[in-house]
Structures are given as structure tokens and as C-alpha cells.
Protein backbone atom coordinates (compact mmCIF):
# COMPACT_ATOMS: atom_id res chain seq x y z
CA MET A 1 107.32 145.42 29.97
CA LEU A 2 108.94 144.13 26.95
CA PHE A 3 111.03 141.79 29.29
CA GLU A 4 107.82 140.30 31.04
CA ARG A 5 106.35 139.75 27.66
CA LEU A 6 109.52 138.02 26.46
CA ARG A 7 109.40 135.84 29.56
CA PHE A 8 105.83 134.91 29.36
CA THR A 9 106.36 134.09 25.65
CA ALA A 10 109.35 131.77 26.89
CA VAL A 11 107.12 129.94 29.18
CA LEU A 12 104.54 129.27 26.63
CA LEU A 13 106.87 128.11 23.98
CA PHE A 14 108.50 125.67 26.58
CA THR A 15 105.22 124.11 27.23
CA LEU A 16 104.40 123.84 23.50
CA GLY A 17 107.82 122.60 22.62
CA CYS A 18 107.83 120.07 25.55
CA ALA A 19 104.19 118.80 24.70
CA PRO A 20 104.54 115.48 22.98
CA ALA A 21 103.27 115.16 19.18
CA LEU A 22 99.84 113.22 18.94
CA ALA A 23 100.71 109.48 18.77
CA GLN A 24 98.89 107.81 15.91
CA ALA A 25 97.43 104.46 16.78
CA ALA A 26 98.00 101.94 14.20
CA LEU A 27 98.18 97.98 13.81
CA VAL A 28 101.86 96.80 14.11
CA ALA A 29 100.72 93.19 13.42
CA ASP A 30 97.57 92.13 11.28
CA THR A 31 97.43 88.68 9.81
CA GLY A 32 93.99 89.37 8.44
CA THR A 33 91.06 87.19 9.11
CA PRO A 34 91.78 83.40 9.06
CA SER A 35 89.90 81.47 6.22
CA SER A 36 89.44 78.07 8.01
CA THR A 37 86.46 77.33 10.12
CA ILE A 38 85.94 76.30 13.73
CA GLY A 39 86.97 72.76 13.93
CA ALA A 40 89.33 73.04 11.12
CA GLY A 41 91.86 74.99 13.25
CA TRP A 42 93.86 73.89 16.30
CA ALA A 43 92.24 72.67 19.34
CA PHE A 44 92.32 75.59 21.94
CA ASN A 45 91.70 73.95 25.20
CA SER A 46 93.21 74.02 28.65
CA GLY A 47 96.78 73.16 28.67
CA HIS A 48 97.11 74.89 25.14
CA SER A 49 99.08 78.01 24.51
CA TYR A 50 99.89 79.41 21.04
CA ALA A 51 102.18 82.24 20.24
CA GLY A 52 102.95 84.39 17.43
CA ARG A 53 106.06 86.35 16.96
CA PHE A 54 106.27 90.05 15.48
CA ALA A 55 108.76 92.84 15.55
CA LEU A 56 108.81 96.46 16.43
CA PRO A 57 110.83 99.14 14.64
CA ALA A 58 110.72 101.46 17.58
CA ALA A 59 109.63 102.11 21.02
CA THR A 60 106.05 101.70 21.15
CA THR A 61 102.84 101.39 23.53
CA ILE A 62 100.62 98.43 22.87
CA ASN A 63 97.19 99.47 23.02
CA SER A 64 95.24 96.18 22.27
CA VAL A 65 95.87 92.59 21.60
CA GLU A 66 93.08 90.19 19.52
CA GLY A 67 93.29 86.79 18.43
CA TYR A 68 90.89 84.98 16.10
CA PHE A 69 89.06 82.13 17.79
CA GLY A 70 85.90 80.55 19.26
CA THR A 71 83.83 79.03 20.73
CA ASP A 72 84.23 79.17 24.59
CA ALA A 73 87.72 78.93 25.74
CA GLY A 74 87.19 79.94 29.11
CA GLU A 75 89.53 82.47 30.67
CA VAL A 76 92.08 83.30 28.13
CA GLY A 77 95.43 84.61 29.07
CA ILE A 78 97.25 87.19 26.68
CA SER A 79 100.83 87.37 27.32
CA LEU A 80 103.52 89.40 25.99
CA PHE A 81 107.18 87.51 25.83
CA SER A 82 110.41 88.81 25.00
CA ASN A 83 112.22 87.59 21.81
CA SER A 84 113.08 83.72 21.54
CA ALA A 85 114.86 82.24 24.45
CA ASP A 86 116.84 79.79 21.70
CA GLY A 87 118.22 82.66 19.80
CA GLU A 88 117.33 84.98 16.99
CA GLY A 89 114.81 83.11 14.56
CA GLY A 90 113.99 80.44 17.16
CA PHE A 91 110.58 79.47 18.26
CA ILE A 92 110.75 79.35 22.12
CA PRO A 93 109.37 82.49 23.50
CA GLY A 94 111.68 84.35 25.99
CA GLY A 95 110.65 85.80 29.21
CA ALA A 96 107.17 87.05 30.16
CA LEU A 97 106.92 90.76 30.23
CA ARG A 98 103.18 91.47 30.74
CA LEU A 99 100.07 89.43 31.31
CA ALA A 100 96.43 90.11 31.00
CA SER A 101 93.38 87.89 30.79
CA PHE A 102 89.49 88.07 29.82
CA ALA A 103 86.51 85.67 29.87
CA THR A 104 85.00 84.13 26.58
CA GLY A 105 81.68 82.76 25.98
CA VAL A 106 79.92 80.68 23.58
CA GLY A 107 79.95 81.90 20.06
CA GLU A 108 81.16 81.89 16.43
CA ALA A 109 84.86 82.49 15.72
CA GLY A 110 85.73 86.09 15.98
CA TRP A 111 88.07 88.68 17.03
CA ARG A 112 88.55 88.47 20.67
CA GLY A 113 90.94 90.19 22.96
CA LEU A 114 91.78 93.41 25.24
CA ALA A 115 92.14 96.96 24.83
CA GLY A 116 93.59 99.69 26.91
CA LEU A 117 96.31 97.67 27.75
CA ASP A 118 99.17 100.54 27.75
CA TRP A 119 102.19 98.33 27.66
CA ALA A 120 105.15 100.43 26.68
CA VAL A 121 107.99 98.34 25.02
CA GLY A 122 111.25 99.03 23.07
CA GLU A 123 112.24 98.28 19.52
CA GLY A 124 112.63 94.37 18.97
CA SER A 125 110.95 91.30 18.52
CA TYR A 126 108.17 90.16 20.90
CA TRP A 127 105.74 86.99 21.10
CA ILE A 128 102.01 87.24 22.02
CA VAL A 129 100.96 84.08 23.76
CA PHE A 130 97.38 83.10 24.03
CA THR A 131 96.57 80.51 26.69
CA ALA A 132 93.08 78.78 27.37
CA THR A 133 91.72 77.24 30.70
CA TRP A 134 88.70 75.67 29.45
CA ASP A 135 88.80 71.53 29.52
CA SER A 136 88.34 69.41 26.17
CA ALA A 137 84.60 69.66 26.48
CA SER A 138 84.52 73.20 25.23
CA GLN A 139 85.84 72.38 21.68
CA ALA A 140 87.37 75.78 21.40
CA SER A 141 89.70 76.22 18.45
CA MET A 142 91.95 78.60 16.71
CA PRO A 143 91.34 78.68 13.10
CA GLY A 144 94.17 79.03 10.81
CA ALA A 145 94.99 79.77 7.13
CA ALA A 146 95.30 83.71 7.69
CA ALA A 147 96.11 85.75 4.51
CA SER A 148 99.19 87.26 6.11
CA PRO A 149 100.83 84.84 8.45
CA LEU A 150 103.25 86.17 11.04
CA ALA A 151 107.18 85.19 10.58
CA GLY A 152 107.14 82.76 13.66
CA TYR A 153 104.54 80.65 15.54
CA ALA A 154 104.78 78.45 18.51
CA LEU A 155 102.62 76.10 20.56
CA GLU A 156 103.00 74.80 23.73
CA GLN A 157 101.45 71.26 25.04
CA GLY A 158 102.27 69.53 28.22
CA GLY A 159 104.82 72.26 29.33
CA GLN A 160 106.82 71.95 26.02
CA TRP A 161 107.17 74.18 23.07
CA PHE A 162 107.00 73.19 19.63
CA ASP A 163 108.17 75.10 16.32
CA ALA A 164 104.59 75.79 14.53
CA ALA A 165 105.90 77.82 11.71
CA GLY A 166 105.93 74.88 8.98
CA LEU A 167 102.76 73.25 10.36
CA GLY A 168 100.28 75.54 8.43
CA LEU A 169 98.99 77.14 11.81
CA ASP A 170 98.84 80.65 10.42
CA GLN A 171 96.61 81.80 13.21
CA GLY A 172 95.01 85.20 13.48
CA LEU A 173 96.65 87.86 15.48
CA ARG A 174 96.06 91.70 15.57
CA VAL A 175 98.29 94.29 17.67
CA GLU A 176 97.48 97.71 17.82
CA ALA A 177 100.21 100.29 19.16
CA SER A 178 100.98 103.99 19.24
CA ALA A 179 104.55 105.07 18.63
CA VAL A 180 106.05 106.57 21.87
CA ALA A 181 105.55 110.26 21.56
CA VAL A 182 108.58 112.84 21.68
CA PRO A 183 108.62 116.41 21.95
CA GLU A 184 108.28 118.46 18.82
CA PRO A 185 111.74 119.46 17.61
CA GLY A 186 110.48 123.01 16.01
CA GLY A 187 109.02 124.06 19.33
CA MET A 188 112.00 123.44 21.26
CA ALA A 189 114.26 125.31 18.71
CA LEU A 190 111.94 128.33 18.94
CA PHE A 191 112.24 128.08 22.91
CA GLY A 192 115.98 128.06 22.57
CA LEU A 193 115.87 131.34 20.29
CA VAL A 194 113.60 132.94 22.92
CA LEU A 195 115.90 132.18 25.77
CA ALA A 196 118.73 133.80 23.84
CA VAL A 197 116.66 137.04 23.00
CA LEU A 198 115.85 137.10 26.92
CA GLY A 199 119.41 136.83 27.66
CA MET A 200 120.62 139.73 25.43
CA VAL A 201 117.81 141.88 26.77
CA SER A 202 118.65 141.02 30.52
CA ARG A 203 122.11 142.07 29.90
CA ARG A 204 121.22 145.47 28.31
CA LYS A 205 119.00 146.34 31.22
CA ARG A 206 121.84 145.58 33.60
CA ALA A 207 123.91 147.92 31.46
């Protein structure tokens, strides 16, 4: 009877020990809301892409990405790119890792983007790229002068990337993510202890 109870306890502890800790979502990139108004930022129309670089200190799952822009920019692509193709500290995003899109409508400048992305990535630097599809008649723009600008900005026009870090771009970007959950070490240690006790009891029963 004691052996059966210990075995049940071991299974329970294994389940609890292997269960990941609750991952807390947090903003891993947050420029704050840009202070310039519509028309004072950069045009955000078809053929325009704007990118911001941010760093992740550990393996992470990106949940949502938002940019600050308005008005109607058509179908807006949100892409996650790897670190700079032209070396650390460069301004040309590397290869595309993830891609999603959403439709926009006419309205005031505001935070617009996608949630529920579930993009699992490792430690390192990444670029978020926003791409508009609407023509110049939309007069969409991405206001700048964010309170906490990113370390790097880039813009693409005519298929060519340009370094925008020194242009006062400072556009708005928010990235919410959750740390990759890992098993609780305390539960695993307790599970190991119970396994040891089970082994001792089993040997005594055989003796």
C-alpha cells in the first residue's frame, strides 16, 4: 500500500514538475506614442516599408506587434526579420522570419497591429518591418518623435534600404512577448527525491 501511494505521488510530482511556469507577457519594445501629428511624419503608402530594430535577451514568444500610424494604409504587412544583413549595427534587415498582414481603414493616428501571433524566436536582435499597399492618394503616414526611440530605424523605397536612424524618424513600435516557459526546478528536484525513495522501498520489498 505504501509503495502504491509513493508511486502515485511520484507521478503527480512529475506532472507538476514538468509543467511550465506561467509565462508573463510584457512589452519587450515600447517607443511610447509619437508626438508628431499626421502629415508631419513620413508618408506610408505603397512601396514604402519602415523598420525598427529591437533586441531580445532570451528565447521569447512574440504575441503582438503594433505600429503607430494613420490614416488608411490599405493592407499593411508586418514582418519579422533577422539581424542586419550588413553586420552588427547595420541598417539592412536580414532574412524574413515571419509575416502577417491586416487591413486598415480611415481614421486618426493610433496604434494598429496584430495580436495572437505566437512567433517563437531566440535571443538576439530583430527587425519589425511595416509595409503599406495603398497608393499615394491615401496620404497615410507614420508620425515620428517617439519618446523612447529604438536603437535602429530603416526605410525602404524603390527596393533599396536606407539608414533612417539619423533622420529623426523615431516612429512608434510596440512588441509584446512572453518568455519561453521552462519546467519548475523545485518540482523536478522533488520528483528526483521521490524516485530515490521508491527505489529504496522496491529494493527492501525484494529483499
